[in-house]
C-alpha atoms as a PDB file:
ATOM      1  CA  MET A   1     108.000 -49.984  77.938  1.00  0.00           C
ATOM      2  CA  ARG A   2     111.431 -48.393  77.793  1.00  0.00           C
ATOM      3  CA  ILE A   3     114.155 -50.999  78.265  1.00  0.00           C
ATOM      4  CA  LEU A   4     117.843 -50.204  78.648  1.00  0.00           C
ATOM      5  CA  GLN A   5     120.147 -52.935  77.363  1.00  0.00           C
ATOM      6  CA  LEU A   6     123.650 -52.966  78.882  1.00  0.00           C
ATOM      7  CA  ASN A   7     126.676 -54.519  77.192  1.00  0.00           C
ATOM      8  CA  LEU A   8     130.155 -53.315  78.170  1.00  0.00           C
ATOM      9  CA  GLU A   9     132.257 -55.578  75.930  1.00  0.00           C
ATOM     10  CA  ARG A  10     134.882 -54.079  73.642  1.00  0.00           C
ATOM     11  CA  GLY A  11     134.661 -56.555  70.775  1.00  0.00           C
ATOM     12  CA  TRP A  12     132.014 -58.235  68.655  1.00  0.00           C
ATOM     13  CA  ARG A  13     131.090 -61.781  69.582  1.00  0.00           C
ATOM     14  CA  GLY A  14     127.928 -63.745  70.256  1.00  0.00           C
ATOM     15  CA  GLY A  15     126.729 -61.636  73.201  1.00  0.00           C
ATOM     16  CA  GLU A  16     126.999 -58.419  71.215  1.00  0.00           C
ATOM     17  CA  ARG A  17     125.134 -59.918  68.296  1.00  0.00           C
ATOM     18  CA  GLN A  18     122.389 -61.099  70.674  1.00  0.00           C
ATOM     19  CA  THR A  19     122.135 -57.629  72.227  1.00  0.00           C
ATOM     20  CA  LEU A  20     121.564 -56.088  68.809  1.00  0.00           C
ATOM     21  CA  LEU A  21     118.966 -58.728  67.906  1.00  0.00           C
ATOM     22  CA  THR A  22     117.156 -57.999  71.190  1.00  0.00           C
ATOM     23  CA  LEU A  23     117.133 -54.271  70.470  1.00  0.00           C
ATOM     24  CA  ARG A  24     115.667 -54.899  67.020  1.00  0.00           C
ATOM     25  CA  GLY A  25     113.046 -57.301  68.347  1.00  0.00           C
ATOM     26  CA  LEU A  26     111.920 -54.937  71.105  1.00  0.00           C
ATOM     27  CA  ARG A  27     111.561 -52.081  68.643  1.00  0.00           C
ATOM     28  CA  ALA A  28     109.617 -54.296  66.241  1.00  0.00           C
ATOM     29  CA  ALA A  29     107.256 -55.151  69.118  1.00  0.00           C
ATOM     30  CA  GLY A  30     106.568 -51.457  69.742  1.00  0.00           C
ATOM     31  CA  HIS A  31     108.804 -50.759  72.728  1.00  0.00           C
ATOM     32  CA  GLU A  32     111.552 -48.191  73.302  1.00  0.00           C
ATOM     33  CA  ALA A  33     114.894 -49.964  73.376  1.00  0.00           C
ATOM     34  CA  GLU A  34     118.091 -48.123  74.316  1.00  0.00           C
ATOM     35  CA  LEU A  35     121.703 -49.265  74.734  1.00  0.00           C
ATOM     36  CA  LEU A  36     124.535 -48.524  77.167  1.00  0.00           C
ATOM     37  CA  ALA A  37     127.830 -49.569  75.550  1.00  0.00           C
ATOM     38  CA  ARG A  38     131.498 -48.765  75.040  1.00  0.00           C
ATOM     39  CA  THR A  39     132.262 -45.562  73.191  1.00  0.00           C
ATOM     40  CA  ASP A  40     132.551 -46.240  69.474  1.00  0.00           C
ATOM     41  CA  GLY A  41     132.756 -49.996  69.996  1.00  0.00           C
ATOM     42  CA  PRO A  42     131.350 -52.253  67.271  1.00  0.00           C
ATOM     43  CA  LEU A  43     128.058 -52.784  69.124  1.00  0.00           C
ATOM     44  CA  ALA A  44     127.568 -49.048  69.673  1.00  0.00           C
ATOM     45  CA  ARG A  45     128.345 -48.357  66.015  1.00  0.00           C
ATOM     46  CA  HIS A  46     125.896 -50.990  64.760  1.00  0.00           C
ATOM     47  CA  ALA A  47     123.113 -49.834  67.089  1.00  0.00           C
ATOM     48  CA  ARG A  48     123.663 -46.158  66.310  1.00  0.00           C
ATOM     49  CA  ALA A  49     123.617 -46.866  62.566  1.00  0.00           C
ATOM     50  CA  GLU A  50     120.215 -48.544  63.009  1.00  0.00           C
ATOM     51  CA  GLY A  51     118.778 -45.509  64.784  1.00  0.00           C
ATOM     52  CA  PHE A  52     118.809 -46.705  68.393  1.00  0.00           C
ATOM     53  CA  VAL A  53     119.472 -44.363  71.303  1.00  0.00           C
ATOM     54  CA  VAL A  54     122.986 -45.270  72.446  1.00  0.00           C
ATOM     55  CA  HIS A  55     124.534 -44.064  75.714  1.00  0.00           C
ATOM     56  CA  GLU A  56     128.305 -44.399  75.417  1.00  0.00           C
ATOM     57  CA  ALA A  57     131.252 -44.207  77.782  1.00  0.00           C
ATOM     58  CA  ALA A  58     134.891 -45.193  77.441  1.00  0.00           C
ATOM     59  CA  GLY A  59     135.238 -46.993  80.780  1.00  0.00           C
ATOM     60  CA  VAL A  60     133.347 -48.343  83.756  1.00  0.00           C
ATOM     61  CA  PRO A  61     133.312 -45.062  85.759  1.00  0.00           C
ATOM     62  CA  GLY A  62     131.728 -43.254  82.832  1.00  0.00           C
ATOM     63  CA  MET A  63     129.295 -46.142  82.370  1.00  0.00           C
ATOM     64  CA  ALA A  64     128.285 -45.829  86.005  1.00  0.00           C
ATOM     65  CA  LEU A  65     127.616 -42.100  85.681  1.00  0.00           C
ATOM     66  CA  ARG A  66     125.509 -42.588  82.565  1.00  0.00           C
ATOM     67  CA  LEU A  67     123.603 -45.419  84.199  1.00  0.00           C
ATOM     68  CA  LEU A  68     122.819 -43.322  87.278  1.00  0.00           C
ATOM     69  CA  ARG A  69     121.693 -40.511  85.015  1.00  0.00           C
ATOM     70  CA  HIS A  70     119.393 -42.552  82.784  1.00  0.00           C
ATOM     71  CA  ALA A  71     118.247 -45.587  84.795  1.00  0.00           C
ATOM     72  CA  ARG A  72     115.163 -44.019  86.356  1.00  0.00           C
ATOM     73  CA  ARG A  73     113.872 -43.009  82.919  1.00  0.00           C
ATOM     74  CA  CYS A  74     113.608 -46.713  82.036  1.00  0.00           C
ATOM     75  CA  ASP A  75     111.199 -49.448  83.093  1.00  0.00           C
ATOM     76  CA  VAL A  76     113.721 -52.300  83.039  1.00  0.00           C
ATOM     77  CA  LEU A  77     117.535 -52.570  83.069  1.00  0.00           C
ATOM     78  CA  HIS A  78     118.815 -55.641  81.216  1.00  0.00           C
ATOM     79  CA  ALA A  79     122.448 -56.741  81.629  1.00  0.00           C
ATOM     80  CA  GLN A  80     123.426 -58.748  78.576  1.00  0.00           C
ATOM     81  CA  THR A  81     126.914 -59.652  79.850  1.00  0.00           C
ATOM     82  CA  ALA A  82     128.543 -60.591  83.151  1.00  0.00           C
ATOM     83  CA  GLN A  83     130.486 -57.317  83.340  1.00  0.00           C
ATOM     84  CA  ALA A  84     127.293 -55.338  82.872  1.00  0.00           C
ATOM     85  CA  MET A  85     125.683 -57.340  85.682  1.00  0.00           C
ATOM     86  CA  SER A  86     128.628 -56.539  87.958  1.00  0.00           C
ATOM     87  CA  LEU A  87     128.015 -52.835  87.377  1.00  0.00           C
ATOM     88  CA  LEU A  88     124.282 -53.152  88.046  1.00  0.00           C
ATOM     89  CA  ALA A  89     124.914 -55.176  91.203  1.00  0.00           C
ATOM     90  CA  LEU A  90     127.207 -52.511  92.650  1.00  0.00           C
ATOM     91  CA  LEU A  91     124.816 -49.665  91.819  1.00  0.00           C
ATOM     92  CA  ARG A  92     121.611 -51.548  92.564  1.00  0.00           C
ATOM     93  CA  PRO A  93     120.674 -49.551  95.724  1.00  0.00           C
ATOM     94  CA  CYS A  94     120.745 -46.324  93.687  1.00  0.00           C
ATOM     95  CA  LEU A  95     118.924 -47.457  90.550  1.00  0.00           C
ATOM     96  CA  GLY A  96     115.321 -47.946  91.626  1.00  0.00           C
ATOM     97  CA  ARG A  97     114.470 -50.117  88.634  1.00  0.00           C
ATOM     98  CA  PRO A  98     114.131 -53.895  88.136  1.00  0.00           C
ATOM     99  CA  VAL A  99     117.205 -55.692  86.836  1.00  0.00           C
ATOM    100  CA  VAL A 100     117.362 -58.620  84.393  1.00  0.00           C
ATOM    101  CA  PHE A 101     120.557 -60.575  83.741  1.00  0.00           C
ATOM    102  CA  THR A 102     121.246 -62.944  80.836  1.00  0.00           C
ATOM    103  CA  ARG A 103     124.030 -65.465  81.482  1.00  0.00           C
ATOM    104  CA  ARG A 104     125.877 -66.664  78.368  1.00  0.00           C
ATOM    105  CA  THR A 105     128.576 -68.979  79.769  1.00  0.00           C
ATOM    106  CA  ALA A 106     128.356 -72.597  80.880  1.00  0.00           C
ATOM    107  CA  PHE A 107     131.252 -72.878  83.330  1.00  0.00           C
ATOM    108  CA  GLY A 108     130.737 -72.263  87.034  1.00  0.00           C
ATOM    109  CA  PRO A 109     132.463 -69.540  89.042  1.00  0.00           C
ATOM    110  CA  ARG A 110     136.081 -70.717  89.232  1.00  0.00           C
ATOM    111  CA  ARG A 111     136.808 -68.607  92.281  1.00  0.00           C
ATOM    112  CA  HIS A 112     134.687 -66.968  94.951  1.00  0.00           C
ATOM    113  CA  PRO A 113     131.321 -68.671  94.318  1.00  0.00           C
ATOM    114  CA  GLY A 114     129.892 -66.688  97.229  1.00  0.00           C
ATOM    115  CA  ARG A 115     130.768 -63.459  95.450  1.00  0.00           C
ATOM    116  CA  ALA A 116     129.139 -64.707  92.240  1.00  0.00           C
ATOM    117  CA  ARG A 117     125.996 -65.667  94.162  1.00  0.00           C
ATOM    118  CA  TRP A 118     125.857 -62.227  95.796  1.00  0.00           C
ATOM    119  CA  LYS A 119     126.079 -60.555  92.390  1.00  0.00           C
ATOM    120  CA  TRP A 120     123.550 -62.844  90.754  1.00  0.00           C
ATOM    121  CA  LEU A 121     121.047 -62.316  93.576  1.00  0.00           C
ATOM    122  CA  ARG A 122     120.985 -58.613  92.735  1.00  0.00           C
ATOM    123  CA  ALA A 123     119.029 -59.502  89.584  1.00  0.00           C
ATOM    124  CA  ASP A 124     115.234 -59.569  89.832  1.00  0.00           C
ATOM    125  CA  ALA A 125     115.156 -62.081  86.981  1.00  0.00           C
ATOM    126  CA  PHE A 126     118.017 -64.449  86.129  1.00  0.00           C
ATOM    127  CA  ILE A 127     118.013 -65.744  82.543  1.00  0.00           C
ATOM    128  CA  ALA A 128     120.311 -68.393  81.059  1.00  0.00           C
ATOM    129  CA  ILE A 129     120.641 -69.060  77.340  1.00  0.00           C
ATOM    130  CA  SER A 130     120.634 -72.858  77.804  1.00  0.00           C
ATOM    131  CA  GLU A 131     120.255 -75.557  80.405  1.00  0.00           C
ATOM    132  CA  ALA A 132     124.048 -75.780  80.468  1.00  0.00           C
ATOM    133  CA  ALA A 133     124.326 -72.071  81.304  1.00  0.00           C
ATOM    134  CA  ALA A 134     121.654 -72.436  84.003  1.00  0.00           C
ATOM    135  CA  GLN A 135     123.359 -75.248  85.905  1.00  0.00           C
ATOM    136  CA  ALA A 136     125.949 -73.267  87.919  1.00  0.00           C
ATOM    137  CA  PRO A 137     123.526 -70.658  89.308  1.00  0.00           C
ATOM    138  CA  ARG A 138     120.990 -73.386  90.077  1.00  0.00           C
ATOM    139  CA  ASP A 139     123.686 -75.228  92.014  1.00  0.00           C
ATOM    140  CA  LEU A 140     123.992 -72.066  94.132  1.00  0.00           C
ATOM    141  CA  GLY A 141     120.277 -72.058  94.833  1.00  0.00           C
ATOM    142  CA  LEU A 142     119.134 -69.436  92.332  1.00  0.00           C
ATOM    143  CA  ASP A 143     115.904 -69.509  90.387  1.00  0.00           C
ATOM    144  CA  VAL A 144     116.849 -69.504  86.703  1.00  0.00           C
ATOM    145  CA  ARG A 145     114.700 -69.308  83.590  1.00  0.00           C
ATOM    146  CA  VAL A 146     116.068 -70.514  80.243  1.00  0.00           C
ATOM    147  CA  ILE A 147     115.508 -68.270  77.224  1.00  0.00           C
ATOM    148  CA  PRO A 148     117.637 -69.449  74.294  1.00  0.00           C
ATOM    149  CA  SER A 149     119.563 -66.993  72.185  1.00  0.00           C
ATOM    150  CA  ALA A 150     118.203 -66.298  68.728  1.00  0.00           C
ATOM    151  CA  VAL A 151     119.566 -66.622  65.218  1.00  0.00           C
ATOM    152  CA  GLU A 152     118.369 -65.147  61.955  1.00  0.00           C
ATOM    153  CA  ALA A 153     118.687 -66.816  58.584  1.00  0.00           C
ATOM    154  CA  ARG A 154     120.779 -64.585  56.361  1.00  0.00           C
ATOM    155  CA  PRO A 155     120.922 -65.438  52.663  1.00  0.00           C
ATOM    156  CA  ALA A 156     124.320 -65.800  51.101  1.00  0.00           C
ATOM    157  CA  ASP A 157     125.354 -63.344  48.409  1.00  0.00           C
ATOM    158  CA  PRO A 158     126.000 -65.376  45.228  1.00  0.00           C
ATOM    159  CA  GLN A 159     128.620 -62.917  44.022  1.00  0.00           C
ATOM    160  CA  GLY A 160     130.295 -62.935  47.433  1.00  0.00           C
ATOM    161  CA  VAL A 161     130.324 -66.733  47.463  1.00  0.00           C
ATOM    162  CA  GLU A 162     131.955 -66.908  44.051  1.00  0.00           C
ATOM    163  CA  ALA A 163     134.490 -64.271  45.055  1.00  0.00           C
ATOM    164  CA  LEU A 164     135.438 -66.376  48.091  1.00  0.00           C
ATOM    165  CA  ARG A 165     135.685 -69.496  45.943  1.00  0.00           C
ATOM    166  CA  GLU A 166     138.107 -67.710  43.624  1.00  0.00           C
ATOM    167  CA  ARG A 167     140.083 -65.978  46.390  1.00  0.00           C
ATOM    168  CA  HIS A 168     140.713 -69.206  48.293  1.00  0.00           C
ATOM    169  CA  ALA A 169     141.018 -71.448  45.198  1.00  0.00           C
ATOM    170  CA  LEU A 170     138.226 -73.763  46.340  1.00  0.00           C
ATOM    171  CA  GLN A 171     137.211 -75.160  42.955  1.00  0.00           C
ATOM    172  CA  GLY A 172     137.057 -78.924  43.267  1.00  0.00           C
ATOM    173  CA  ARG A 173     137.826 -78.827  47.005  1.00  0.00           C
ATOM    174  CA  THR A 174     135.878 -80.424  49.857  1.00  0.00           C
ATOM    175  CA  VAL A 175     135.293 -77.572  52.304  1.00  0.00           C
ATOM    176  CA  LEU A 176     134.985 -77.786  56.066  1.00  0.00           C
ATOM    177  CA  MET A 177     134.532 -74.655  58.118  1.00  0.00           C
ATOM    178  CA  THR A 178     134.355 -73.399  61.650  1.00  0.00           C
ATOM    179  CA  ALA A 179     133.662 -69.966  63.121  1.00  0.00           C
ATOM    180  CA  ALA A 180     135.366 -69.549  66.477  1.00  0.00           C
ATOM    181  CA  ALA A 181     137.839 -67.205  68.097  1.00  0.00           C
ATOM    182  CA  LEU A 182     141.290 -68.685  68.568  1.00  0.00           C
ATOM    183  CA  SER A 183     140.791 -69.056  72.313  1.00  0.00           C
ATOM    184  CA  PRO A 184     141.625 -72.059  74.518  1.00  0.00           C
ATOM    185  CA  GLU A 185     138.019 -73.035  75.249  1.00  0.00           C
ATOM    186  CA  LYS A 186     137.323 -73.269  71.501  1.00  0.00           C
ATOM    187  CA  ASP A 187     140.171 -75.823  71.251  1.00  0.00           C
ATOM    188  CA  PRO A 188     141.354 -75.247  67.679  1.00  0.00           C
ATOM    189  CA  GLY A 189     144.102 -77.835  68.245  1.00  0.00           C
ATOM    190  CA  THR A 190     141.708 -80.775  68.186  1.00  0.00           C
ATOM    191  CA  LEU A 191     140.161 -79.636  64.904  1.00  0.00           C
ATOM    192  CA  ILE A 192     143.626 -79.183  63.395  1.00  0.00           C
ATOM    193  CA  GLU A 193     144.561 -82.751  64.373  1.00  0.00           C
ATOM    194  CA  ALA A 194     141.287 -84.057  62.928  1.00  0.00           C
ATOM    195  CA  VAL A 195     141.945 -82.273  59.636  1.00  0.00           C
ATOM    196  CA  ALA A 196     145.449 -83.764  59.552  1.00  0.00           C
ATOM    197  CA  ILE A 197     143.945 -87.252  59.883  1.00  0.00           C
ATOM    198  CA  LEU A 198     141.408 -86.615  57.117  1.00  0.00           C
ATOM    199  CA  ALA A 199     143.785 -84.833  54.756  1.00  0.00           C
ATOM    200  CA  ALA A 200     146.073 -87.876  54.637  1.00  0.00           C
ATOM    201  CA  ALA A 201     143.348 -89.741  52.714  1.00  0.00           C
ATOM    202  CA  ARG A 202     141.529 -86.751  51.203  1.00  0.00           C
ATOM    203  CA  PRO A 203     144.010 -84.394  49.507  1.00  0.00           C
ATOM    204  CA  ASP A 204     141.122 -82.232  48.238  1.00  0.00           C
ATOM    205  CA  LEU A 205     140.070 -81.341  51.815  1.00  0.00           C
ATOM    206  CA  VAL A 206     140.370 -77.769  53.101  1.00  0.00           C
ATOM    207  CA  CYS A 207     139.180 -76.287  56.407  1.00  0.00           C
ATOM    208  CA  LEU A 208     138.447 -72.555  56.621  1.00  0.00           C
ATOM    209  CA  HIS A 209     138.761 -71.237  60.171  1.00  0.00           C
ATOM    210  CA  CYS A 210     136.838 -67.984  60.556  1.00  0.00           C
ATOM    211  CA  GLY A 211     137.394 -66.125  63.801  1.00  0.00           C
ATOM    212  CA  ALA A 212     139.372 -63.472  65.610  1.00  0.00           C
ATOM    213  CA  ASP A 213     142.828 -64.149  67.002  1.00  0.00           C
ATOM    214  CA  GLY A 214     143.208 -65.126  70.637  1.00  0.00           C
ATOM    215  CA  ALA A 215     145.362 -66.787  73.271  1.00  0.00           C
ATOM    216  CA  ALA A 216     145.429 -70.104  71.387  1.00  0.00           C
ATOM    217  CA  GLY A 217     146.265 -68.529  68.028  1.00  0.00           C
ATOM    218  CA  GLU A 218     150.062 -68.792  68.118  1.00  0.00           C
ATOM    219  CA  ALA A 219     150.021 -72.468  69.093  1.00  0.00           C
ATOM    220  CA  ALA A 220     147.362 -73.249  66.472  1.00  0.00           C
ATOM    221  CA  ARG A 221     149.330 -71.625  63.663  1.00  0.00           C
ATOM    222  CA  ALA A 222     152.516 -73.352  64.784  1.00  0.00           C
ATOM    223  CA  ARG A 223     150.786 -76.749  64.789  1.00  0.00           C
ATOM    224  CA  VAL A 224     149.404 -76.222  61.281  1.00  0.00           C
ATOM    225  CA  GLN A 225     152.905 -75.373  60.079  1.00  0.00           C
ATOM    226  CA  ALA A 226     154.473 -78.348  61.885  1.00  0.00           C
ATOM    227  CA  LEU A 227     151.974 -80.722  60.266  1.00  0.00           C
ATOM    228  CA  GLY A 228     152.438 -79.179  56.812  1.00  0.00           C
ATOM    229  CA  LEU A 229     148.744 -78.275  56.644  1.00  0.00           C
ATOM    230  CA  GLU A 230     149.094 -74.722  55.319  1.00  0.00           C
ATOM    231  CA  ASP A 231     146.960 -75.582  52.277  1.00  0.00           C
ATOM    232  CA  ALA A 232     144.460 -77.792  54.114  1.00  0.00           C
ATOM    233  CA  TYR A 233     143.889 -75.575  57.181  1.00  0.00           C
ATOM    234  CA  ARG A 234     143.529 -71.842  56.595  1.00  0.00           C
ATOM    235  CA  PHE A 235     143.001 -69.089  59.137  1.00  0.00           C
ATOM    236  CA  VAL A 236     140.861 -66.441  57.447  1.00  0.00           C
ATOM    237  CA  GLY A 237     140.186 -64.141  60.432  1.00  0.00           C
ATOM    238  CA  PHE A 238     136.948 -62.619  61.630  1.00  0.00           C
ATOM    239  CA  GLN A 239     134.312 -62.576  58.883  1.00  0.00           C
ATOM    240  CA  PRO A 240     131.203 -60.365  59.082  1.00  0.00           C
ATOM    241  CA  ARG A 241     129.381 -62.369  56.380  1.00  0.00           C
ATOM    242  CA  ILE A 242     129.697 -65.896  57.700  1.00  0.00           C
ATOM    243  CA  GLU A 243     126.718 -66.935  55.573  1.00  0.00           C
ATOM    244  CA  ASP A 244     128.866 -66.703  52.418  1.00  0.00           C
ATOM    245  CA  PHE A 245     131.381 -69.148  53.902  1.00  0.00           C
ATOM    246  CA  LEU A 246     128.590 -71.502  54.999  1.00  0.00           C
ATOM    247  CA  ALA A 247     127.367 -71.608  51.399  1.00  0.00           C
ATOM    248  CA  LEU A 248     130.722 -73.145  50.446  1.00  0.00           C
ATOM    249  CA  ALA A 249     130.897 -75.726  53.241  1.00  0.00           C
ATOM    250  CA  GLN A 250     130.040 -79.424  53.125  1.00  0.00           C
ATOM    251  CA  VAL A 251     130.454 -79.730  56.907  1.00  0.00           C
ATOM    252  CA  TYR A 252     130.483 -77.280  59.817  1.00  0.00           C
ATOM    253  CA  VAL A 253     132.661 -78.333  62.768  1.00  0.00           C
ATOM    254  CA  SER A 254     132.834 -77.076  66.357  1.00  0.00           C
ATOM    255  CA  SER A 255     135.634 -78.383  68.581  1.00  0.00           C
ATOM    256  CA  SER A 256     134.764 -76.338  71.692  1.00  0.00           C
ATOM    257  CA  ARG A 257     135.513 -77.734  75.139  1.00  0.00           C
ATOM    258  CA  SER A 258     132.833 -75.493  76.656  1.00  0.00           C
ATOM    259  CA  GLU A 259     129.828 -73.950  74.917  1.00  0.00           C
ATOM    260  CA  ALA A 260     126.832 -72.418  76.648  1.00  0.00           C
ATOM    261  CA  LEU A 261     124.770 -72.588  73.453  1.00  0.00           C
ATOM    262  CA  GLY A 262     126.828 -72.156  70.294  1.00  0.00           C
ATOM    263  CA  THR A 263     125.101 -69.668  67.993  1.00  0.00           C
ATOM    264  CA  SER A 264     127.620 -70.354  65.222  1.00  0.00           C
ATOM    265  CA  VAL A 265     126.393 -73.954  65.204  1.00  0.00           C
ATOM    266  CA  LEU A 266     122.846 -72.606  64.961  1.00  0.00           C
ATOM    267  CA  ASP A 267     123.893 -70.425  62.017  1.00  0.00           C
ATOM    268  CA  ALA A 268     125.133 -73.559  60.279  1.00  0.00           C
ATOM    269  CA  CYS A 269     121.891 -75.379  61.080  1.00  0.00           C
ATOM    270  CA  LEU A 270     119.806 -72.555  59.595  1.00  0.00           C
ATOM    271  CA  ALA A 271     121.989 -72.600  56.490  1.00  0.00           C
ATOM    272  CA  GLY A 272     121.346 -76.334  56.049  1.00  0.00           C
ATOM    273  CA  VAL A 273     124.973 -77.373  56.610  1.00  0.00           C
ATOM    274  CA  PRO A 274     125.538 -80.710  58.431  1.00  0.00           C
ATOM    275  CA  VAL A 275     127.218 -80.202  61.805  1.00  0.00           C
ATOM    276  CA  VAL A 276     129.837 -82.203  63.678  1.00  0.00           C
ATOM    277  CA  ALA A 277     130.422 -80.873  67.193  1.00  0.00           C
ATOM    278  CA  THR A 278     131.699 -81.770  70.630  1.00  0.00           C
ATOM    279  CA  ALA A 279     129.241 -83.200  73.141  1.00  0.00           C
ATOM    280  CA  VAL A 280     129.347 -80.225  75.492  1.00  0.00           C
ATOM    281  CA  GLY A 281     126.927 -77.630  76.842  1.00  0.00           C
ATOM    282  CA  GLY A 282     124.403 -76.256  74.406  1.00  0.00           C
ATOM    283  CA  HIS A 283     125.536 -78.587  71.601  1.00  0.00           C
ATOM    284  CA  LEU A 284     123.794 -81.410  73.459  1.00  0.00           C
ATOM    285  CA  GLU A 285     120.511 -79.494  73.293  1.00  0.00           C
ATOM    286  CA  THR A 286     120.829 -78.064  69.792  1.00  0.00           C
ATOM    287  CA  LEU A 287     121.943 -81.259  68.059  1.00  0.00           C
ATOM    288  CA  ALA A 288     119.857 -83.812  69.969  1.00  0.00           C
ATOM    289  CA  GLN A 289     117.525 -86.284  68.251  1.00  0.00           C
ATOM    290  CA  GLY A 290     119.665 -86.806  65.177  1.00  0.00           C
ATOM    291  CA  ARG A 291     120.218 -83.152  64.299  1.00  0.00           C
ATOM    292  CA  GLY A 292     124.008 -83.458  64.283  1.00  0.00           C
ATOM    293  CA  LEU A 293     126.930 -85.783  65.021  1.00  0.00           C
ATOM    294  CA  LEU A 294     128.673 -85.459  68.384  1.00  0.00           C
ATOM    295  CA  CYS A 295     132.055 -86.557  69.722  1.00  0.00           C
ATOM    296  CA  GLU A 296     133.877 -86.127  73.006  1.00  0.00           C
ATOM    297  CA  PRO A 297     135.936 -82.930  73.377  1.00  0.00           C
ATOM    298  CA  GLY A 298     139.621 -83.350  72.639  1.00  0.00           C
ATOM    299  CA  ASP A 299     139.124 -86.562  70.620  1.00  0.00           C
ATOM    300  CA  ALA A 300     140.543 -85.770  67.182  1.00  0.00           C
ATOM    301  CA  ASP A 301     140.176 -89.357  65.925  1.00  0.00           C
ATOM    302  CA  ALA A 302     136.454 -89.425  66.730  1.00  0.00           C
ATOM    303  CA  MET A 303     135.958 -86.002  65.195  1.00  0.00           C
ATOM    304  CA  ALA A 304     137.670 -87.117  61.998  1.00  0.00           C
ATOM    305  CA  ARG A 305     135.450 -90.217  61.839  1.00  0.00           C
ATOM    306  CA  ARG A 306     132.274 -88.156  62.272  1.00  0.00           C
ATOM    307  CA  ILE A 307     133.327 -85.731  59.551  1.00  0.00           C
ATOM    308  CA  ALA A 308     134.155 -88.638  57.228  1.00  0.00           C
ATOM    309  CA  ARG A 309     130.725 -90.144  57.904  1.00  0.00           C
ATOM    310  CA  VAL A 310     129.041 -86.926  56.780  1.00  0.00           C
ATOM    311  CA  LEU A 311     131.170 -86.721  53.637  1.00  0.00           C
ATOM    312  CA  ASP A 312     130.701 -90.408  52.761  1.00  0.00           C
ATOM    313  CA  HIS A 313     126.909 -90.465  53.266  1.00  0.00           C
ATOM    314  CA  PRO A 314     125.537 -87.288  51.672  1.00  0.00           C
ATOM    315  CA  ALA A 315     121.876 -88.360  51.652  1.00  0.00           C
ATOM    316  CA  GLN A 316     121.881 -89.138  55.377  1.00  0.00           C
ATOM    317  CA  ALA A 317     123.796 -85.931  56.061  1.00  0.00           C
ATOM    318  CA  ALA A 318     121.241 -83.895  54.115  1.00  0.00           C
ATOM    319  CA  ALA A 319     118.360 -85.392  56.098  1.00  0.00           C
ATOM    320  CA  MET A 320     120.188 -84.649  59.355  1.00  0.00           C
ATOM    321  CA  ALA A 321     120.814 -81.066  58.264  1.00  0.00           C
ATOM    322  CA  GLU A 322     117.155 -80.571  57.360  1.00  0.00           C
ATOM    323  CA  ARG A 323     116.037 -81.746  60.805  1.00  0.00           C
ATOM    324  CA  ALA A 324     118.475 -79.268  62.343  1.00  0.00           C
ATOM    325  CA  ARG A 325     117.313 -76.430  60.080  1.00  0.00           C
ATOM    326  CA  GLU A 326     113.649 -76.926  60.978  1.00  0.00           C
ATOM    327  CA  HIS A 327     114.438 -77.094  64.694  1.00  0.00           C
ATOM    328  CA  ALA A 328     116.649 -73.989  64.660  1.00  0.00           C
ATOM    329  CA  ALA A 329     114.079 -71.939  62.740  1.00  0.00           C
ATOM    330  CA  ARG A 330     111.362 -72.891  65.215  1.00  0.00           C
ATOM    331  CA  ALA A 331     113.142 -72.884  68.577  1.00  0.00           C
ATOM    332  CA  TYR A 332     115.705 -70.102  68.157  1.00  0.00           C
ATOM    333  CA  SER A 333     113.828 -67.327  66.374  1.00  0.00           C
ATOM    334  CA  VAL A 334     114.147 -63.649  67.326  1.00  0.00           C
ATOM    335  CA  PRO A 335     110.363 -63.211  67.875  1.00  0.00           C
ATOM    336  CA  ALA A 336     110.317 -66.207  70.241  1.00  0.00           C
ATOM    337  CA  MET A 337     113.267 -64.862  72.234  1.00  0.00           C
ATOM    338  CA  VAL A 338     111.842 -61.342  72.449  1.00  0.00           C
ATOM    339  CA  ALA A 339     108.377 -62.575  73.440  1.00  0.00           C
ATOM    340  CA  ALA A 340     109.947 -64.533  76.303  1.00  0.00           C
ATOM    341  CA  TYR A 341     111.924 -61.495  77.461  1.00  0.00           C
ATOM    342  CA  LEU A 342     108.826 -59.288  77.272  1.00  0.00           C
ATOM    343  CA  ALA A 343     106.941 -61.706  79.503  1.00  0.00           C
ATOM    344  CA  VAL A 344     109.741 -61.351  82.065  1.00  0.00           C
ATOM    345  CA  TYR A 345     109.782 -57.552  81.764  1.00  0.00           C
ATOM    346  CA  ARG A 346     106.006 -57.304  82.198  1.00  0.00           C
ATOM    347  CA  ALA A 347     106.065 -59.532  85.272  1.00  0.00           C
ATOM    348  CA  LEU A 348     108.627 -57.227  86.862  1.00  0.00           C
END
């Protein structure tokens, strides 16, 4: 089959990473996988560097023209993001090919649910990456299949790890980490407050916050400064090699208020790092049955207690992390995800 993957995002986050993993998996399974993406965006650059056919355009009008030009050469059109699905929905009468949509968010349509339902019904197959992501379309009467996103274990680079240890002066420090954009739904404020609680009794504690800037960034930096946590809470920006940071961490923490799945949590699970996370969305599925410690979103005191429990009971934390690692390797592999998508494509 020839499958066109569509992703119109400008940046590089979880959906873009999943699109690239899908392209790789389809090619490994013997199919022709192509990409429609933003001109010279990070996803287009990565895919082009790996030898994939990439159709690029700077904006939506150009995307539409390229889609109309190339759609009928493909067997399936797969929208990997909501914006891509909007484009396919509008052009659906002209495309003549089956459409698949993967939903990656857990919140319902805040406005115009009827409009969202109209758009979603234009897909021949509606996929959600978790039960949490499937709930809103199911509430609107849609038939939804869950295919979890995938993660790949990436070994840390020993030299890179040591370079990070030196650069951030981490010798003898207890390291927490998170990987999340500084956006409101990721709620960096709660993690900052939890670190403040812990640092009062643990002066060796340091939290490394990996992630791009966002709408919550200014307030987060101001709160760290107000609490005098500049040494204990460090914003290190987007990091392409998150595995090197995970190799330094005793605990991975996610303070999100909404999370469809949470692939960064899965990365931590695969790396064998104990996880403390909020009891929301995909975290409830990923960390069930003793695979992680959960707390209510926005509860800094509870988060601090869970982190302290991991640090104070290393043997129990290691057993918990091993359960999570085994589950992540089995349930969230690239071959499993691609095989599920191929079954959908073939049925269409």
